[in-house]
Amino acid sequence: MTISGNVSEADWSVSTEVYEAAGGFDCRIRVSHRTPKGVFAHEFKHSRVFATEREAVLEGLREGMVWIELKRANTIHV
């Protein structure tokens, strides 16, 4: 069984899905937020493998939330 997580607010959301990987667990992170130009969505894989599913989902949510914060502050452009 794999676990997933989701955090959202009115104009953004972050979700993670954990899956088994060589040496532990990895996660796929999906971020989206509404902008004046429409909805922006991006999906990426975490850069490391974790020992437990719990660690993977929590780090994935943290990474996604940092990504949203940087995107909304116009620090990164994709």
PDB file of N, CA and C in Angstrom:
ATOM      1  N   MET A   1       0.842  -1.184   0.000  1.00  0.00           N
ATOM      2  CA  MET A   1       0.000   0.000   0.000  1.00  0.00           C
ATOM      3  C   MET A   1       0.881   1.240   0.000  1.00  0.00           C
ATOM      4  N   THR A   2       0.538   2.217  -0.791  1.00  0.00           N
ATOM      5  CA  THR A   2       1.272   3.477  -0.813  1.00  0.00           C
ATOM      6  C   THR A   2       0.390   4.579  -0.255  1.00  0.00           C
ATOM      7  N   ILE A   3       1.021   5.629   0.224  1.00  0.00           N
ATOM      8  CA  ILE A   3       0.259   6.733   0.785  1.00  0.00           C
ATOM      9  C   ILE A   3       0.418   7.969  -0.094  1.00  0.00           C
ATOM     10  N   SER A   4      -0.494   8.903   0.093  1.00  0.00           N
ATOM     11  CA  SER A   4      -0.448  10.152  -0.643  1.00  0.00           C
ATOM     12  C   SER A   4      -0.834  11.273   0.304  1.00  0.00           C
ATOM     13  N   GLY A   5      -0.574  12.499  -0.111  1.00  0.00           N
ATOM     14  CA  GLY A   5      -0.920  13.646   0.716  1.00  0.00           C
ATOM     15  C   GLY A   5      -1.343  14.809  -0.146  1.00  0.00           C
ATOM     16  N   ASN A   6      -2.065  15.747   0.466  1.00  0.00           N
ATOM     17  CA  ASN A   6      -2.540  16.914  -0.256  1.00  0.00           C
ATOM     18  C   ASN A   6      -2.643  18.077   0.715  1.00  0.00           C
ATOM     19  N   VAL A   7      -2.176  19.235   0.266  1.00  0.00           N
ATOM     20  CA  VAL A   7      -2.305  20.479   1.019  1.00  0.00           C
ATOM     21  C   VAL A   7      -2.798  21.514   0.019  1.00  0.00           C
ATOM     22  N   SER A   8      -3.802  22.299   0.421  1.00  0.00           N
ATOM     23  CA  SER A   8      -4.302  23.298  -0.522  1.00  0.00           C
ATOM     24  C   SER A   8      -4.846  24.517   0.210  1.00  0.00           C
ATOM     25  N   GLU A   9      -4.958  25.578  -0.554  1.00  0.00           N
ATOM     26  CA  GLU A   9      -5.562  26.813  -0.099  1.00  0.00           C
ATOM     27  C   GLU A   9      -6.432  27.296  -1.254  1.00  0.00           C
ATOM     28  N   ALA A  10      -6.990  28.454  -1.154  1.00  0.00           N
ATOM     29  CA  ALA A  10      -7.941  28.943  -2.154  1.00  0.00           C
ATOM     30  C   ALA A  10      -7.381  28.950  -3.574  1.00  0.00           C
ATOM     31  N   ASP A  11      -6.120  29.351  -3.743  1.00  0.00           N
ATOM     32  CA  ASP A  11      -5.601  29.481  -5.110  1.00  0.00           C
ATOM     33  C   ASP A  11      -4.420  28.583  -5.453  1.00  0.00           C
ATOM     34  N   TRP A  12      -4.076  27.631  -4.596  1.00  0.00           N
ATOM     35  CA  TRP A  12      -2.988  26.717  -4.903  1.00  0.00           C
ATOM     36  C   TRP A  12      -3.225  25.355  -4.260  1.00  0.00           C
ATOM     37  N   SER A  13      -2.536  24.341  -4.775  1.00  0.00           N
ATOM     38  CA  SER A  13      -2.589  23.012  -4.167  1.00  0.00           C
ATOM     39  C   SER A  13      -1.287  22.264  -4.431  1.00  0.00           C
ATOM     40  N   VAL A  14      -0.955  21.391  -3.504  1.00  0.00           N
ATOM     41  CA  VAL A  14       0.205  20.517  -3.615  1.00  0.00           C
ATOM     42  C   VAL A  14      -0.272  19.115  -3.262  1.00  0.00           C
ATOM     43  N   SER A  15       0.053  18.148  -4.102  1.00  0.00           N
ATOM     44  CA  SER A  15      -0.276  16.766  -3.776  1.00  0.00           C
ATOM     45  C   SER A  15       0.934  15.888  -4.046  1.00  0.00           C
ATOM     46  N   THR A  16       1.047  14.814  -3.291  1.00  0.00           N
ATOM     47  CA  THR A  16       2.156  13.877  -3.459  1.00  0.00           C
ATOM     48  C   THR A  16       1.621  12.461  -3.514  1.00  0.00           C
ATOM     49  N   GLU A  17       2.312  11.648  -4.253  1.00  0.00           N
ATOM     50  CA  GLU A  17       1.997  10.228  -4.347  1.00  0.00           C
ATOM     51  C   GLU A  17       3.298   9.459  -4.174  1.00  0.00           C
ATOM     52  N   VAL A  18       3.330   8.560  -3.202  1.00  0.00           N
ATOM     53  CA  VAL A  18       4.537   7.811  -2.870  1.00  0.00           C
ATOM     54  C   VAL A  18       4.513   6.470  -3.593  1.00  0.00           C
ATOM     55  N   TYR A  19       5.679   6.030  -4.035  1.00  0.00           N
ATOM     56  CA  TYR A  19       5.795   4.714  -4.661  1.00  0.00           C
ATOM     57  C   TYR A  19       7.141   4.099  -4.291  1.00  0.00           C
ATOM     58  N   GLU A  20       7.204   2.773  -4.366  1.00  0.00           N
ATOM     59  CA  GLU A  20       8.443   2.070  -4.045  1.00  0.00           C
ATOM     60  C   GLU A  20       9.500   2.359  -5.096  1.00  0.00           C
ATOM     61  N   ALA A  21      10.725   2.499  -4.629  1.00  0.00           N
ATOM     62  CA  ALA A  21      11.869   2.728  -5.508  1.00  0.00           C
ATOM     63  C   ALA A  21      13.023   1.878  -4.988  1.00  0.00           C
ATOM     64  N   ALA A  22      14.044   1.733  -5.774  1.00  0.00           N
ATOM     65  CA  ALA A  22      15.221   0.980  -5.334  1.00  0.00           C
ATOM     66  C   ALA A  22      15.776   1.619  -4.066  1.00  0.00           C
ATOM     67  N   GLY A  23      15.838   0.877  -2.992  1.00  0.00           N
ATOM     68  CA  GLY A  23      16.383   1.378  -1.743  1.00  0.00           C
ATOM     69  C   GLY A  23      15.397   2.080  -0.834  1.00  0.00           C
ATOM     70  N   GLY A  24      14.112   2.127  -1.179  1.00  0.00           N
ATOM     71  CA  GLY A  24      13.138   2.776  -0.304  1.00  0.00           C
ATOM     72  C   GLY A  24      11.919   3.279  -1.043  1.00  0.00           C
ATOM     73  N   PHE A  25      11.591   4.553  -0.823  1.00  0.00           N
ATOM     74  CA  PHE A  25      10.386   5.151  -1.388  1.00  0.00           C
ATOM     75  C   PHE A  25      10.706   6.511  -2.002  1.00  0.00           C
ATOM     76  N   ASP A  26      10.052   6.794  -3.090  1.00  0.00           N
ATOM     77  CA  ASP A  26      10.189   8.077  -3.773  1.00  0.00           C
ATOM     78  C   ASP A  26       8.797   8.684  -3.895  1.00  0.00           C
ATOM     79  N   CYS A  27       8.704   9.912  -4.325  1.00  0.00           N
ATOM     80  CA  CYS A  27       7.378  10.507  -4.480  1.00  0.00           C
ATOM     81  C   CYS A  27       7.315  11.417  -5.697  1.00  0.00           C
ATOM     82  N   ARG A  28       6.143  11.473  -6.251  1.00  0.00           N
ATOM     83  CA  ARG A  28       5.815  12.372  -7.353  1.00  0.00           C
ATOM     84  C   ARG A  28       5.036  13.532  -6.745  1.00  0.00           C
ATOM     85  N   ILE A  29       5.404  14.739  -7.112  1.00  0.00           N
ATOM     86  CA  ILE A  29       4.820  15.953  -6.547  1.00  0.00           C
ATOM     87  C   ILE A  29       4.076  16.690  -7.654  1.00  0.00           C
ATOM     88  N   ARG A  30       2.850  17.096  -7.364  1.00  0.00           N
ATOM     89  CA  ARG A  30       2.050  17.877  -8.307  1.00  0.00           C
ATOM     90  C   ARG A  30       1.685  19.199  -7.640  1.00  0.00           C
ATOM     91  N   VAL A  31       1.968  20.293  -8.333  1.00  0.00           N
ATOM     92  CA  VAL A  31       1.632  21.611  -7.811  1.00  0.00           C
ATOM     93  C   VAL A  31       0.755  22.330  -8.833  1.00  0.00           C
ATOM     94  N   SER A  32      -0.137  23.149  -8.347  1.00  0.00           N
ATOM     95  CA  SER A  32      -0.931  23.992  -9.236  1.00  0.00           C
ATOM     96  C   SER A  32      -1.351  25.247  -8.486  1.00  0.00           C
ATOM     97  N   HIS A  33      -1.517  26.319  -9.247  1.00  0.00           N
ATOM     98  CA  HIS A  33      -2.058  27.545  -8.653  1.00  0.00           C
ATOM     99  C   HIS A  33      -2.687  28.389  -9.736  1.00  0.00           C
ATOM    100  N   ARG A  34      -3.659  29.161  -9.298  1.00  0.00           N
ATOM    101  CA  ARG A  34      -4.360  30.040 -10.221  1.00  0.00           C
ATOM    102  C   ARG A  34      -3.596  31.345 -10.356  1.00  0.00           C
ATOM    103  N   THR A  35      -3.480  31.803 -11.582  1.00  0.00           N
ATOM    104  CA  THR A  35      -2.838  33.081 -11.867  1.00  0.00           C
ATOM    105  C   THR A  35      -3.811  33.898 -12.712  1.00  0.00           C
ATOM    106  N   PRO A  36      -3.551  35.172 -12.903  1.00  0.00           N
ATOM    107  CA  PRO A  36      -4.419  35.961 -13.785  1.00  0.00           C
ATOM    108  C   PRO A  36      -4.465  35.398 -15.211  1.00  0.00           C
ATOM    109  N   LYS A  37      -3.426  34.658 -15.603  1.00  0.00           N
ATOM    110  CA  LYS A  37      -3.366  34.069 -16.940  1.00  0.00           C
ATOM    111  C   LYS A  37      -4.021  32.689 -17.019  1.00  0.00           C
ATOM    112  N   GLY A  38      -4.494  32.165 -15.894  1.00  0.00           N
ATOM    113  CA  GLY A  38      -5.099  30.837 -15.861  1.00  0.00           C
ATOM    114  C   GLY A  38      -4.455  29.957 -14.812  1.00  0.00           C
ATOM    115  N   VAL A  39      -4.742  28.677 -14.882  1.00  0.00           N
ATOM    116  CA  VAL A  39      -4.204  27.733 -13.904  1.00  0.00           C
ATOM    117  C   VAL A  39      -2.858  27.211 -14.392  1.00  0.00           C
ATOM    118  N   PHE A  40      -1.866  27.294 -13.523  1.00  0.00           N
ATOM    119  CA  PHE A  40      -0.546  26.750 -13.808  1.00  0.00           C
ATOM    120  C   PHE A  40      -0.421  25.419 -13.082  1.00  0.00           C
ATOM    121  N   ALA A  41       0.054  24.389 -13.752  1.00  0.00           N
ATOM    122  CA  ALA A  41       0.253  23.085 -13.130  1.00  0.00           C
ATOM    123  C   ALA A  41       1.625  22.551 -13.515  1.00  0.00           C
ATOM    124  N   HIS A  42       2.259  21.870 -12.566  1.00  0.00           N
ATOM    125  CA  HIS A  42       3.584  21.303 -12.804  1.00  0.00           C
ATOM    126  C   HIS A  42       3.696  20.012 -11.997  1.00  0.00           C
ATOM    127  N   GLU A  43       4.391  19.031 -12.540  1.00  0.00           N
ATOM    128  CA  GLU A  43       4.588  17.746 -11.867  1.00  0.00           C
ATOM    129  C   GLU A  43       6.063  17.390 -11.933  1.00  0.00           C
ATOM    130  N   PHE A  44       6.609  16.892 -10.815  1.00  0.00           N
ATOM    131  CA  PHE A  44       8.011  16.495 -10.797  1.00  0.00           C
ATOM    132  C   PHE A  44       8.239  15.419  -9.740  1.00  0.00           C
ATOM    133  N   LYS A  45       9.366  14.751  -9.849  1.00  0.00           N
ATOM    134  CA  LYS A  45       9.746  13.691  -8.923  1.00  0.00           C
ATOM    135  C   LYS A  45      10.727  14.262  -7.914  1.00  0.00           C
ATOM    136  N   HIS A  46      10.642  13.817  -6.659  1.00  0.00           N
ATOM    137  CA  HIS A  46      11.584  14.273  -5.645  1.00  0.00           C
ATOM    138  C   HIS A  46      12.977  13.793  -6.019  1.00  0.00           C
ATOM    139  N   SER A  47      13.991  14.504  -5.583  1.00  0.00           N
ATOM    140  CA  SER A  47      15.364  14.210  -5.981  1.00  0.00           C
ATOM    141  C   SER A  47      16.034  13.100  -5.176  1.00  0.00           C
ATOM    142  N   ARG A  48      15.372  12.586  -4.147  1.00  0.00           N
ATOM    143  CA  ARG A  48      16.013  11.527  -3.368  1.00  0.00           C
ATOM    144  C   ARG A  48      15.039  10.438  -2.994  1.00  0.00           C
ATOM    145  N   VAL A  49      15.585   9.334  -2.514  1.00  0.00           N
ATOM    146  CA  VAL A  49      14.799   8.181  -2.073  1.00  0.00           C
ATOM    147  C   VAL A  49      14.807   8.179  -0.550  1.00  0.00           C
ATOM    148  N   PHE A  50      13.657   7.847   0.062  1.00  0.00           N
ATOM    149  CA  PHE A  50      13.488   7.887   1.510  1.00  0.00           C
ATOM    150  C   PHE A  50      13.325   6.490   2.083  1.00  0.00           C
ATOM    151  N   ALA A  51      13.675   6.336   3.346  1.00  0.00           N
ATOM    152  CA  ALA A  51      13.593   5.039   4.003  1.00  0.00           C
ATOM    153  C   ALA A  51      12.153   4.599   4.250  1.00  0.00           C
ATOM    154  N   THR A  52      11.253   5.557   4.505  1.00  0.00           N
ATOM    155  CA  THR A  52       9.854   5.210   4.797  1.00  0.00           C
ATOM    156  C   THR A  52       8.904   6.011   3.920  1.00  0.00           C
ATOM    157  N   GLU A  53       7.695   5.491   3.764  1.00  0.00           N
ATOM    158  CA  GLU A  53       6.659   6.196   3.017  1.00  0.00           C
ATOM    159  C   GLU A  53       6.327   7.531   3.685  1.00  0.00           C
ATOM    160  N   ARG A  54       6.276   7.523   5.007  1.00  0.00           N
ATOM    161  CA  ARG A  54       5.948   8.736   5.764  1.00  0.00           C
ATOM    162  C   ARG A  54       6.936   9.853   5.461  1.00  0.00           C
ATOM    163  N   GLU A  55       8.234   9.534   5.495  1.00  0.00           N
ATOM    164  CA  GLU A  55       9.248  10.539   5.180  1.00  0.00           C
ATOM    165  C   GLU A  55       9.075  11.062   3.754  1.00  0.00           C
ATOM    166  N   ALA A  56       8.792  10.161   2.817  1.00  0.00           N
ATOM    167  CA  ALA A  56       8.647  10.551   1.418  1.00  0.00           C
ATOM    168  C   ALA A  56       7.468  11.501   1.222  1.00  0.00           C
ATOM    169  N   VAL A  57       6.315  11.185   1.804  1.00  0.00           N
ATOM    170  CA  VAL A  57       5.145  12.042   1.599  1.00  0.00           C
ATOM    171  C   VAL A  57       5.325  13.399   2.277  1.00  0.00           C
ATOM    172  N   LEU A  58       5.896  13.431   3.469  1.00  0.00           N
ATOM    173  CA  LEU A  58       6.096  14.707   4.168  1.00  0.00           C
ATOM    174  C   LEU A  58       7.112  15.585   3.447  1.00  0.00           C
ATOM    175  N   GLU A  59       8.225  15.010   3.004  1.00  0.00           N
ATOM    176  CA  GLU A  59       9.221  15.790   2.275  1.00  0.00           C
ATOM    177  C   GLU A  59       8.683  16.249   0.927  1.00  0.00           C
ATOM    178  N   GLY A  60       7.863  15.412   0.290  1.00  0.00           N
ATOM    179  CA  GLY A  60       7.245  15.803  -0.973  1.00  0.00           C
ATOM    180  C   GLY A  60       6.322  16.995  -0.795  1.00  0.00           C
ATOM    181  N   LEU A  61       5.523  16.974   0.264  1.00  0.00           N
ATOM    182  CA  LEU A  61       4.630  18.112   0.532  1.00  0.00           C
ATOM    183  C   LEU A  61       5.434  19.373   0.835  1.00  0.00           C
ATOM    184  N   ARG A  62       6.496  19.232   1.624  1.00  0.00           N
ATOM    185  CA  ARG A  62       7.350  20.393   1.927  1.00  0.00           C
ATOM    186  C   ARG A  62       7.968  20.960   0.649  1.00  0.00           C
ATOM    187  N   GLU A  63       8.513  20.077  -0.181  1.00  0.00           N
ATOM    188  CA  GLU A  63       9.141  20.514  -1.427  1.00  0.00           C
ATOM    189  C   GLU A  63       8.131  21.224  -2.328  1.00  0.00           C
ATOM    190  N   GLY A  64       6.936  20.671  -2.428  1.00  0.00           N
ATOM    191  CA  GLY A  64       5.895  21.285  -3.240  1.00  0.00           C
ATOM    192  C   GLY A  64       5.480  22.645  -2.719  1.00  0.00           C
ATOM    193  N   MET A  65       5.377  22.775  -1.403  1.00  0.00           N
ATOM    194  CA  MET A  65       4.983  24.056  -0.824  1.00  0.00           C
ATOM    195  C   MET A  65       6.068  25.116  -1.018  1.00  0.00           C
ATOM    196  N   VAL A  66       7.331  24.725  -0.927  1.00  0.00           N
ATOM    197  CA  VAL A  66       8.425  25.658  -1.210  1.00  0.00           C
ATOM    198  C   VAL A  66       8.361  26.084  -2.669  1.00  0.00           C
ATOM    199  N   TRP A  67       8.095  25.130  -3.549  1.00  0.00           N
ATOM    200  CA  TRP A  67       7.991  25.421  -4.980  1.00  0.00           C
ATOM    201  C   TRP A  67       6.880  26.439  -5.232  1.00  0.00           C
ATOM    202  N   ILE A  68       5.717  26.224  -4.627  1.00  0.00           N
ATOM    203  CA  ILE A  68       4.587  27.162  -4.773  1.00  0.00           C
ATOM    204  C   ILE A  68       4.977  28.544  -4.257  1.00  0.00           C
ATOM    205  N   GLU A  69       5.610  28.588  -3.100  1.00  0.00           N
ATOM    206  CA  GLU A  69       6.014  29.873  -2.518  1.00  0.00           C
ATOM    207  C   GLU A  69       6.950  30.624  -3.475  1.00  0.00           C
ATOM    208  N   LEU A  70       7.931  29.934  -4.033  1.00  0.00           N
ATOM    209  CA  LEU A  70       8.863  30.570  -4.959  1.00  0.00           C
ATOM    210  C   LEU A  70       8.166  30.998  -6.256  1.00  0.00           C
ATOM    211  N   LYS A  71       7.270  30.188  -6.753  1.00  0.00           N
ATOM    212  CA  LYS A  71       6.553  30.514  -7.986  1.00  0.00           C
ATOM    213  C   LYS A  71       5.646  31.726  -7.781  1.00  0.00           C
ATOM    214  N   ARG A  72       4.917  31.751  -6.672  1.00  0.00           N
ATOM    215  CA  ARG A  72       4.012  32.866  -6.411  1.00  0.00           C
ATOM    216  C   ARG A  72       4.768  34.168  -6.169  1.00  0.00           C
ATOM    217  N   ALA A  73       5.999  34.078  -5.665  1.00  0.00           N
ATOM    218  CA  ALA A  73       6.823  35.260  -5.433  1.00  0.00           C
ATOM    219  C   ALA A  73       7.580  35.683  -6.696  1.00  0.00           C
ATOM    220  N   ASN A  74       7.304  34.999  -7.813  1.00  0.00           N
ATOM    221  CA  ASN A  74       7.973  35.261  -9.085  1.00  0.00           C
ATOM    222  C   ASN A  74       9.486  35.082  -8.996  1.00  0.00           C
ATOM    223  N   THR A  75       9.922  34.190  -8.114  1.00  0.00           N
ATOM    224  CA  THR A  75      11.349  33.881  -7.982  1.00  0.00           C
ATOM    225  C   THR A  75      11.781  32.897  -9.061  1.00  0.00           C
ATOM    226  N   ILE A  76      10.892  31.962  -9.417  1.00  0.00           N
ATOM    227  CA  ILE A  76      11.183  31.013 -10.485  1.00  0.00           C
ATOM    228  C   ILE A  76      10.149  31.169 -11.585  1.00  0.00           C
ATOM    229  N   HIS A  77      10.554  30.867 -12.786  1.00  0.00           N
ATOM    230  CA  HIS A  77       9.666  30.966 -13.942  1.00  0.00           C
ATOM    231  C   HIS A  77       9.775  29.682 -14.741  1.00  0.00           C
ATOM    232  N   VAL A  78       8.652  29.021 -14.911  1.00  0.00           N
ATOM    233  CA  VAL A  78       8.608  27.776 -15.697  1.00  0.00           C
ATOM    234  C   VAL A  78       7.595  27.932 -16.793  1.00  0.00           C
TER     235      VAL A  78
END
